[in-house]
Amino acid sequence: MRVEYINPFITSLSNTFSMMAEVDVQRGQMSLKSEPSLIHEVSGIIGLSGRAAGAVILSISENLAYKAASRMLMTDVNEMNDDVLDAIGELTNMVAGSAKAELEELQLNVSLPNVITGKPHDIRFPSNVKPICVPFSTKYGDLALEVGLEDVN
């Protein structure tokens, strides 16, 4: 994965959480992902294809998922339900869609989001894709952004 592909996703995540969930995020240290397990309870996944192929994963702590869904739906949410899953899918879609616009040269197509719950859960990228993981923290809980894109020949 080329490092310059990650920056539009980082910017998009920060902007999306600020605007849609009214949550400020603080970025942690970026690293290459070495293990398939995600550390948070809820993950939104979107496949990407075009001149590069791969996926973007947004893995969110349960408390942050409730807070984000509550803000987006303008009601208190305190249990894992379809509204929370839909909100996380929509946040993942917004992060991927905004980053896609910044990566026009890749002519990316974005799949529909899938959301997985439970801890731990494994999501594996294709063996030829080396994803970059960027942790974030908020006052409501943590999240991680994982992006794996490889140029298509």
Protein backbone atom coordinates (compact mmCIF):
# COMPACT_ATOMS: atom_id res chain seq x y z
CA MET A 1 0.00 0.00 0.00
CA ARG A 2 1.28 3.45 -0.89
CA VAL A 3 1.37 5.74 2.13
CA GLU A 4 -0.10 8.69 0.22
CA TYR A 5 -3.36 6.72 -0.11
CA ILE A 6 -4.01 6.90 3.65
CA ASN A 7 -4.11 10.70 4.12
CA PRO A 8 -7.51 11.28 2.42
CA PHE A 9 -9.02 8.61 4.70
CA ILE A 10 -7.54 10.19 7.84
CA THR A 11 -8.85 13.63 6.88
CA SER A 12 -12.22 12.20 5.94
CA LEU A 13 -12.57 10.33 9.24
CA SER A 14 -11.77 13.43 11.26
CA ASN A 15 -14.19 15.60 9.29
CA THR A 16 -16.97 12.99 9.28
CA PHE A 17 -16.87 12.37 13.03
CA SER A 18 -16.74 16.08 13.76
CA MET A 19 -19.62 16.97 11.46
CA MET A 20 -21.94 13.97 11.74
CA ALA A 21 -21.34 12.74 15.29
CA GLU A 22 -20.05 15.96 16.89
CA VAL A 23 -17.02 14.03 18.16
CA ASP A 24 -13.43 15.27 17.98
CA VAL A 25 -10.84 12.58 17.26
CA GLN A 26 -7.16 12.53 18.17
CA ARG A 27 -4.94 10.51 15.87
CA GLY A 28 -2.48 7.98 17.22
CA GLN A 29 0.62 6.44 15.65
CA MET A 30 0.10 4.94 12.19
CA SER A 31 1.46 1.42 11.64
CA LEU A 32 1.35 -1.50 9.23
CA LYS A 33 -1.27 -3.97 10.38
CA SER A 34 0.26 -7.27 11.40
CA GLU A 35 -2.66 -9.24 12.90
CA PRO A 36 -6.18 -9.83 11.56
CA SER A 37 -8.10 -9.23 14.84
CA LEU A 38 -9.78 -5.90 15.42
CA ILE A 39 -9.76 -4.52 18.92
CA HIS A 40 -13.18 -2.87 19.00
CA GLU A 41 -16.71 -4.26 19.16
CA VAL A 42 -18.21 -2.79 15.97
CA SER A 43 -16.61 -2.62 12.52
CA GLY A 44 -17.84 -1.11 9.28
CA ILE A 45 -16.23 -2.53 6.14
CA ILE A 46 -16.30 -1.22 2.58
CA GLY A 47 -14.63 -2.78 -0.45
CA LEU A 48 -12.86 -0.55 -2.95
CA SER A 49 -12.10 -1.32 -6.58
CA GLY A 50 -10.82 0.55 -9.62
CA ARG A 51 -7.20 1.33 -10.47
CA ALA A 52 -6.51 0.15 -6.92
CA ALA A 53 -8.35 -2.54 -4.98
CA GLY A 54 -8.78 -3.26 -1.30
CA ALA A 55 -10.92 -2.22 1.63
CA VAL A 56 -11.43 0.33 4.36
CA ILE A 57 -12.44 -0.76 7.86
CA LEU A 58 -13.68 1.49 10.63
CA SER A 59 -13.50 -0.38 13.97
CA ILE A 60 -15.25 1.42 16.84
CA SER A 61 -15.62 0.84 20.57
CA GLU A 62 -19.13 0.05 21.70
CA ASN A 63 -19.50 3.23 23.78
CA LEU A 64 -18.35 5.44 20.89
CA ALA A 65 -20.72 3.62 18.53
CA TYR A 66 -23.63 4.43 20.89
CA LYS A 67 -22.57 8.06 21.20
CA ALA A 68 -22.14 8.53 17.44
CA ALA A 69 -25.50 6.87 16.70
CA SER A 70 -27.18 8.97 19.40
CA ARG A 71 -25.85 12.18 17.89
CA MET A 72 -26.71 11.18 14.34
CA LEU A 73 -30.24 10.05 15.26
CA MET A 74 -30.82 12.81 17.84
CA THR A 75 -31.99 10.28 20.46
CA ASP A 76 -30.30 8.31 23.25
CA VAL A 77 -28.98 4.94 22.13
CA ASN A 78 -27.54 2.61 24.76
CA GLU A 79 -27.82 -0.85 23.27
CA MET A 80 -26.57 -2.54 20.13
CA ASN A 81 -29.45 -2.46 17.66
CA ASP A 82 -30.18 -1.89 13.98
CA ASP A 83 -29.98 1.90 14.41
CA VAL A 84 -26.40 1.65 15.74
CA LEU A 85 -25.39 -0.75 12.97
CA ASP A 86 -26.92 1.52 10.33
CA ALA A 87 -25.15 4.56 11.82
CA ILE A 88 -21.76 2.82 11.78
CA GLY A 89 -22.36 1.66 8.21
CA GLU A 90 -23.24 5.21 7.20
CA LEU A 91 -20.16 6.68 8.95
CA THR A 92 -17.97 4.12 7.16
CA ASN A 93 -19.65 4.99 3.86
CA MET A 94 -19.05 8.72 4.41
CA VAL A 95 -15.37 8.19 5.29
CA ALA A 96 -14.81 6.02 2.19
CA GLY A 97 -16.85 8.28 -0.10
CA SER A 98 -15.07 11.46 0.90
CA ALA A 99 -11.64 9.83 0.57
CA LYS A 100 -12.65 8.43 -2.83
CA ALA A 101 -13.26 11.98 -4.05
CA GLU A 102 -9.68 12.90 -3.06
CA LEU A 103 -8.26 9.88 -4.88
CA GLU A 104 -9.80 10.59 -8.31
CA GLU A 105 -6.80 9.21 -10.18
CA LEU A 106 -7.63 5.72 -8.83
CA GLN A 107 -11.20 5.81 -10.24
CA LEU A 108 -12.44 3.96 -7.16
CA ASN A 109 -15.79 2.25 -6.86
CA VAL A 110 -17.15 1.87 -3.34
CA SER A 111 -19.21 -1.15 -2.25
CA LEU A 112 -22.11 -1.06 0.17
CA PRO A 113 -20.98 -1.13 3.80
CA ASN A 114 -21.13 -4.26 5.93
CA VAL A 115 -21.10 -4.06 9.72
CA ILE A 116 -19.74 -6.76 12.03
CA THR A 117 -20.20 -6.85 15.81
CA GLY A 118 -18.68 -8.85 18.64
CA LYS A 119 -15.29 -9.04 20.22
CA PRO A 120 -12.96 -10.23 18.96
CA HIS A 121 -13.67 -10.53 15.28
CA ASP A 122 -11.22 -11.10 12.46
CA ILE A 123 -11.30 -9.33 9.14
CA ARG A 124 -8.59 -10.36 6.75
CA PHE A 125 -7.30 -8.36 3.84
CA PRO A 126 -6.13 -10.29 0.76
CA SER A 127 -2.63 -11.71 1.30
CA ASN A 128 -1.08 -9.26 -1.18
CA VAL A 129 -2.56 -6.21 0.61
CA LYS A 130 -0.61 -4.72 3.51
CA PRO A 131 -3.07 -2.44 5.33
CA ILE A 132 -2.17 0.61 7.34
CA CYS A 133 -3.84 0.99 10.73
CA VAL A 134 -4.41 4.39 12.31
CA PRO A 135 -5.77 4.43 15.88
CA PHE A 136 -7.83 7.36 17.12
CA SER A 137 -9.11 8.30 20.55
CA THR A 138 -12.08 10.38 21.66
CA LYS A 139 -13.55 11.27 25.03
CA TYR A 140 -16.22 8.59 24.39
CA GLY A 141 -13.94 5.72 23.36
CA ASP A 142 -11.46 4.61 20.75
CA LEU A 143 -11.61 3.68 17.11
CA ALA A 144 -9.25 2.45 14.42
CA LEU A 145 -9.10 3.09 10.70
CA GLU A 146 -7.61 0.37 8.53
CA VAL A 147 -7.00 0.94 4.85
CA GLY A 148 -5.49 -1.57 2.47
CA LEU A 149 -5.20 -0.63 -1.21
CA GLU A 150 -2.99 -2.13 -3.88
CA ASP A 151 -2.54 -0.77 -7.37
CA VAL A 152 -4.18 -2.91 -10.05
CA ASN A 153 -2.02 -3.61 -13.08
